[in-house]
Amino acid sequence: MGKGDKKTRRGKITMGTFGVRRPRKKTKPFVVVKKKATTTAKATEDNPKTATKAKPKQL
């Protein structure tokens, strides 16, 4: 019972194999998080401090 034994945990680690004694780790599901679209027009209407002033056109 040791590194050369195929049925022990240490032997499976040495050989690089998996089985009942050394199961593979479960992978977590991959979740994609969608970002909300920001609208600049709404932010300028609600908060006058963040709104930029319109420059007069020069002729």
PDB file of N, CA and C in Angstrom:
ATOM      1  N   MET A   1       0.850  -1.167   0.000  1.00  0.00           N
ATOM      2  CA  MET A   1       0.000   0.000   0.000  1.00  0.00           C
ATOM      3  C   MET A   1       0.901   1.237   0.000  1.00  0.00           C
ATOM      4  N   GLY A   2       0.854   1.925  -1.105  1.00  0.00           N
ATOM      5  CA  GLY A   2       1.693   3.117  -1.193  1.00  0.00           C
ATOM      6  C   GLY A   2       1.528   3.785  -2.536  1.00  0.00           C
ATOM      7  N   LYS A   3       2.628   4.371  -2.988  1.00  0.00           N
ATOM      8  CA  LYS A   3       2.574   5.147  -4.223  1.00  0.00           C
ATOM      9  C   LYS A   3       2.327   4.287  -5.461  1.00  0.00           C
ATOM     10  N   GLY A   4       2.705   3.054  -5.447  1.00  0.00           N
ATOM     11  CA  GLY A   4       2.534   2.203  -6.620  1.00  0.00           C
ATOM     12  C   GLY A   4       1.199   1.477  -6.658  1.00  0.00           C
ATOM     13  N   ASP A   5       0.410   1.571  -5.590  1.00  0.00           N
ATOM     14  CA  ASP A   5      -0.857   0.837  -5.519  1.00  0.00           C
ATOM     15  C   ASP A   5      -1.951   1.628  -6.237  1.00  0.00           C
ATOM     16  N   LYS A   6      -2.599   0.990  -7.215  1.00  0.00           N
ATOM     17  CA  LYS A   6      -3.620   1.673  -8.025  1.00  0.00           C
ATOM     18  C   LYS A   6      -4.914   1.924  -7.256  1.00  0.00           C
ATOM     19  N   LYS A   7      -5.119   1.214  -6.144  1.00  0.00           N
ATOM     20  CA  LYS A   7      -6.394   1.309  -5.434  1.00  0.00           C
ATOM     21  C   LYS A   7      -6.390   2.311  -4.280  1.00  0.00           C
ATOM     22  N   THR A   8      -5.229   2.895  -3.976  1.00  0.00           N
ATOM     23  CA  THR A   8      -5.176   3.841  -2.863  1.00  0.00           C
ATOM     24  C   THR A   8      -5.176   5.278  -3.388  1.00  0.00           C
ATOM     25  N   ARG A   9      -5.514   6.190  -2.502  1.00  0.00           N
ATOM     26  CA  ARG A   9      -5.543   7.607  -2.863  1.00  0.00           C
ATOM     27  C   ARG A   9      -4.160   8.092  -3.269  1.00  0.00           C
ATOM     28  N   ARG A  10      -3.140   7.723  -2.518  1.00  0.00           N
ATOM     29  CA  ARG A  10      -1.770   8.152  -2.808  1.00  0.00           C
ATOM     30  C   ARG A  10      -1.304   7.602  -4.151  1.00  0.00           C
ATOM     31  N   GLY A  11      -1.689   6.370  -4.448  1.00  0.00           N
ATOM     32  CA  GLY A  11      -1.314   5.773  -5.723  1.00  0.00           C
ATOM     33  C   GLY A  11      -1.992   6.477  -6.892  1.00  0.00           C
ATOM     34  N   LYS A  12      -3.229   6.869  -6.700  1.00  0.00           N
ATOM     35  CA  LYS A  12      -3.950   7.578  -7.762  1.00  0.00           C
ATOM     36  C   LYS A  12      -3.373   8.983  -7.966  1.00  0.00           C
ATOM     37  N   ILE A  13      -2.951   9.638  -6.893  1.00  0.00           N
ATOM     38  CA  ILE A  13      -2.316  10.950  -7.018  1.00  0.00           C
ATOM     39  C   ILE A  13      -1.009  10.812  -7.790  1.00  0.00           C
ATOM     40  N   THR A  14      -0.211   9.779  -7.491  1.00  0.00           N
ATOM     41  CA  THR A  14       1.059   9.550  -8.165  1.00  0.00           C
ATOM     42  C   THR A  14       0.851   9.251  -9.642  1.00  0.00           C
ATOM     43  N   MET A  15      -0.153   8.423  -9.947  1.00  0.00           N
ATOM     44  CA  MET A  15      -0.407   8.037 -11.331  1.00  0.00           C
ATOM     45  C   MET A  15      -1.158   9.139 -12.098  1.00  0.00           C
ATOM     46  N   GLY A  16      -1.829  10.037 -11.387  1.00  0.00           N
ATOM     47  CA  GLY A  16      -2.578  11.105 -12.030  1.00  0.00           C
ATOM     48  C   GLY A  16      -3.921  10.645 -12.559  1.00  0.00           C
ATOM     49  N   THR A  17      -4.505   9.630 -11.927  1.00  0.00           N
ATOM     50  CA  THR A  17      -5.795   9.125 -12.365  1.00  0.00           C
ATOM     51  C   THR A  17      -6.864   9.454 -11.326  1.00  0.00           C
ATOM     52  N   PHE A  18      -8.116   9.224 -11.708  1.00  0.00           N
ATOM     53  CA  PHE A  18      -9.251   9.474 -10.816  1.00  0.00           C
ATOM     54  C   PHE A  18     -10.066   8.206 -10.691  1.00  0.00           C
ATOM     55  N   GLY A  19     -10.891   8.138  -9.659  1.00  0.00           N
ATOM     56  CA  GLY A  19     -11.726   6.975  -9.449  1.00  0.00           C
ATOM     57  C   GLY A  19     -12.582   7.157  -8.215  1.00  0.00           C
ATOM     58  N   VAL A  20     -12.955   6.045  -7.574  1.00  0.00           N
ATOM     59  CA  VAL A  20     -13.799   6.096  -6.389  1.00  0.00           C
ATOM     60  C   VAL A  20     -13.031   6.700  -5.220  1.00  0.00           C
ATOM     61  N   ARG A  21     -11.778   6.349  -5.086  1.00  0.00           N
ATOM     62  CA  ARG A  21     -10.969   6.840  -3.971  1.00  0.00           C
ATOM     63  C   ARG A  21     -10.592   8.309  -4.123  1.00  0.00           C
ATOM     64  N   ARG A  22     -10.534   8.770  -5.370  1.00  0.00           N
ATOM     65  CA  ARG A  22     -10.145  10.162  -5.625  1.00  0.00           C
ATOM     66  C   ARG A  22     -11.020  10.721  -6.744  1.00  0.00           C
ATOM     67  N   PRO A  23     -12.227  11.160  -6.396  1.00  0.00           N
ATOM     68  CA  PRO A  23     -13.140  11.670  -7.430  1.00  0.00           C
ATOM     69  C   PRO A  23     -12.700  13.052  -7.919  1.00  0.00           C
ATOM     70  N   ARG A  24     -13.149  13.385  -9.103  1.00  0.00           N
ATOM     71  CA  ARG A  24     -12.865  14.707  -9.666  1.00  0.00           C
ATOM     72  C   ARG A  24     -13.706  15.753  -8.941  1.00  0.00           C
ATOM     73  N   LYS A  25     -13.193  16.969  -8.874  1.00  0.00           N
ATOM     74  CA  LYS A  25     -13.938  18.042  -8.238  1.00  0.00           C
ATOM     75  C   LYS A  25     -15.056  18.481  -9.169  1.00  0.00           C
ATOM     76  N   LYS A  26     -16.202  18.807  -8.579  1.00  0.00           N
ATOM     77  CA  LYS A  26     -17.341  19.289  -9.344  1.00  0.00           C
ATOM     78  C   LYS A  26     -17.044  20.709  -9.814  1.00  0.00           C
ATOM     79  N   THR A  27     -17.370  20.998 -11.058  1.00  0.00           N
ATOM     80  CA  THR A  27     -17.181  22.345 -11.577  1.00  0.00           C
ATOM     81  C   THR A  27     -18.445  23.156 -11.343  1.00  0.00           C
ATOM     82  N   LYS A  28     -18.270  24.405 -11.002  1.00  0.00           N
ATOM     83  CA  LYS A  28     -19.402  25.290 -10.766  1.00  0.00           C
ATOM     84  C   LYS A  28     -19.954  25.748 -12.099  1.00  0.00           C
ATOM     85  N   PRO A  29     -21.265  25.924 -12.202  1.00  0.00           N
ATOM     86  CA  PRO A  29     -21.840  26.389 -13.465  1.00  0.00           C
ATOM     87  C   PRO A  29     -21.400  27.818 -13.769  1.00  0.00           C
ATOM     88  N   PHE A  30     -21.147  28.098 -15.025  1.00  0.00           N
ATOM     89  CA  PHE A  30     -20.708  29.405 -15.466  1.00  0.00           C
ATOM     90  C   PHE A  30     -21.926  30.294 -15.676  1.00  0.00           C
ATOM     91  N   VAL A  31     -21.957  31.440 -14.986  1.00  0.00           N
ATOM     92  CA  VAL A  31     -23.098  32.340 -15.055  1.00  0.00           C
ATOM     93  C   VAL A  31     -22.644  33.658 -15.674  1.00  0.00           C
ATOM     94  N   VAL A  32     -23.375  34.111 -16.692  1.00  0.00           N
ATOM     95  CA  VAL A  32     -23.077  35.383 -17.343  1.00  0.00           C
ATOM     96  C   VAL A  32     -24.001  36.439 -16.764  1.00  0.00           C
ATOM     97  N   VAL A  33     -23.423  37.532 -16.273  1.00  0.00           N
ATOM     98  CA  VAL A  33     -24.203  38.613 -15.690  1.00  0.00           C
ATOM     99  C   VAL A  33     -24.283  39.734 -16.718  1.00  0.00           C
ATOM    100  N   LYS A  34     -25.510  40.114 -17.059  1.00  0.00           N
ATOM    101  CA  LYS A  34     -25.703  41.186 -18.022  1.00  0.00           C
ATOM    102  C   LYS A  34     -25.710  42.521 -17.294  1.00  0.00           C
ATOM    103  N   LYS A  35     -25.007  43.481 -17.872  1.00  0.00           N
ATOM    104  CA  LYS A  35     -24.975  44.810 -17.291  1.00  0.00           C
ATOM    105  C   LYS A  35     -26.135  45.621 -17.848  1.00  0.00           C
ATOM    106  N   LYS A  36     -26.700  46.462 -17.004  1.00  0.00           N
ATOM    107  CA  LYS A  36     -27.807  47.299 -17.436  1.00  0.00           C
ATOM    108  C   LYS A  36     -27.267  48.441 -18.295  1.00  0.00           C
ATOM    109  N   ALA A  37     -27.993  48.776 -19.333  1.00  0.00           N
ATOM    110  CA  ALA A  37     -27.601  49.878 -20.199  1.00  0.00           C
ATOM    111  C   ALA A  37     -27.942  51.188 -19.507  1.00  0.00           C
ATOM    112  N   THR A  38     -26.987  52.083 -19.458  1.00  0.00           N
ATOM    113  CA  THR A  38     -27.226  53.369 -18.819  1.00  0.00           C
ATOM    114  C   THR A  38     -27.595  54.385 -19.874  1.00  0.00           C
ATOM    115  N   THR A  39     -28.561  55.200 -19.536  1.00  0.00           N
ATOM    116  CA  THR A  39     -28.971  56.250 -20.460  1.00  0.00           C
ATOM    117  C   THR A  39     -28.510  57.583 -19.901  1.00  0.00           C
ATOM    118  N   THR A  40     -27.784  58.331 -20.697  1.00  0.00           N
ATOM    119  CA  THR A  40     -27.274  59.621 -20.237  1.00  0.00           C
ATOM    120  C   THR A  40     -28.361  60.681 -20.256  1.00  0.00           C
ATOM    121  N   ALA A  41     -29.344  60.548 -21.135  1.00  0.00           N
ATOM    122  CA  ALA A  41     -30.407  61.541 -21.221  1.00  0.00           C
ATOM    123  C   ALA A  41     -31.239  61.552 -19.940  1.00  0.00           C
ATOM    124  N   LYS A  42     -31.522  60.401 -19.411  1.00  0.00           N
ATOM    125  CA  LYS A  42     -32.325  60.315 -18.196  1.00  0.00           C
ATOM    126  C   LYS A  42     -31.555  60.894 -17.014  1.00  0.00           C
ATOM    127  N   ALA A  43     -30.265  60.643 -16.944  1.00  0.00           N
ATOM    128  CA  ALA A  43     -29.461  61.156 -15.846  1.00  0.00           C
ATOM    129  C   ALA A  43     -29.390  62.672 -15.891  1.00  0.00           C
ATOM    130  N   THR A  44     -29.345  63.255 -17.069  1.00  0.00           N
ATOM    131  CA  THR A  44     -29.259  64.715 -17.163  1.00  0.00           C
ATOM    132  C   THR A  44     -30.589  65.372 -16.819  1.00  0.00           C
ATOM    133  N   GLU A  45     -31.696  64.707 -17.113  1.00  0.00           N
ATOM    134  CA  GLU A  45     -32.996  65.281 -16.788  1.00  0.00           C
ATOM    135  C   GLU A  45     -33.265  65.249 -15.290  1.00  0.00           C
ATOM    136  N   ASP A  46     -32.865  64.168 -14.634  1.00  0.00           N
ATOM    137  CA  ASP A  46     -33.148  64.010 -13.211  1.00  0.00           C
ATOM    138  C   ASP A  46     -32.261  64.878 -12.336  1.00  0.00           C
ATOM    139  N   ASN A  47     -31.011  64.996 -12.675  1.00  0.00           N
ATOM    140  CA  ASN A  47     -30.067  65.695 -11.824  1.00  0.00           C
ATOM    141  C   ASN A  47     -29.466  66.869 -12.587  1.00  0.00           C
ATOM    142  N   PRO A  48     -29.865  68.098 -12.281  1.00  0.00           N
ATOM    143  CA  PRO A  48     -29.350  69.255 -13.030  1.00  0.00           C
ATOM    144  C   PRO A  48     -27.863  69.514 -12.773  1.00  0.00           C
ATOM    145  N   LYS A  49     -27.323  69.014 -11.659  1.00  0.00           N
ATOM    146  CA  LYS A  49     -25.900  69.228 -11.368  1.00  0.00           C
ATOM    147  C   LYS A  49     -25.010  68.481 -12.350  1.00  0.00           C
ATOM    148  N   THR A  50     -25.444  67.303 -12.762  1.00  0.00           N
ATOM    149  CA  THR A  50     -24.628  66.508 -13.678  1.00  0.00           C
ATOM    150  C   THR A  50     -24.888  66.867 -15.132  1.00  0.00           C
ATOM    151  N   ALA A  51     -25.930  67.635 -15.387  1.00  0.00           N
ATOM    152  CA  ALA A  51     -26.265  68.004 -16.766  1.00  0.00           C
ATOM    153  C   ALA A  51     -25.258  69.033 -17.271  1.00  0.00           C
ATOM    154  N   THR A  52     -24.866  68.879 -18.512  1.00  0.00           N
ATOM    155  CA  THR A  52     -23.951  69.855 -19.103  1.00  0.00           C
ATOM    156  C   THR A  52     -24.768  70.952 -19.759  1.00  0.00           C
ATOM    157  N   LYS A  53     -24.275  72.151 -19.658  1.00  0.00           N
ATOM    158  CA  LYS A  53     -24.982  73.294 -20.235  1.00  0.00           C
ATOM    159  C   LYS A  53     -24.717  73.335 -21.729  1.00  0.00           C
ATOM    160  N   ALA A  54     -25.748  73.674 -22.482  1.00  0.00           N
ATOM    161  CA  ALA A  54     -25.617  73.771 -23.924  1.00  0.00           C
ATOM    162  C   ALA A  54     -24.914  75.081 -24.263  1.00  0.00           C
ATOM    163  N   LYS A  55     -23.911  74.980 -25.103  1.00  0.00           N
ATOM    164  CA  LYS A  55     -23.169  76.175 -25.509  1.00  0.00           C
ATOM    165  C   LYS A  55     -23.905  76.853 -26.663  1.00  0.00           C
ATOM    166  N   PRO A  56     -23.991  78.172 -26.653  1.00  0.00           N
ATOM    167  CA  PRO A  56     -24.649  78.868 -27.769  1.00  0.00           C
ATOM    168  C   PRO A  56     -23.780  78.752 -29.023  1.00  0.00           C
ATOM    169  N   LYS A  57     -24.448  78.642 -30.154  1.00  0.00           N
ATOM    170  CA  LYS A  57     -23.726  78.534 -31.420  1.00  0.00           C
ATOM    171  C   LYS A  57     -23.134  79.892 -31.784  1.00  0.00           C
ATOM    172  N   GLN A  58     -21.892  79.850 -32.227  1.00  0.00           N
ATOM    173  CA  GLN A  58     -21.241  81.080 -32.661  1.00  0.00           C
ATOM    174  C   GLN A  58     -21.429  81.261 -34.154  1.00  0.00           C
ATOM    175  N   LEU A  59     -21.796  82.461 -34.576  1.00  0.00           N
ATOM    176  CA  LEU A  59     -22.007  82.727 -35.994  1.00  0.00           C
ATOM    177  C   LEU A  59     -20.839  83.387 -36.626  1.00  0.00           C
TER     178      LEU A  59
END
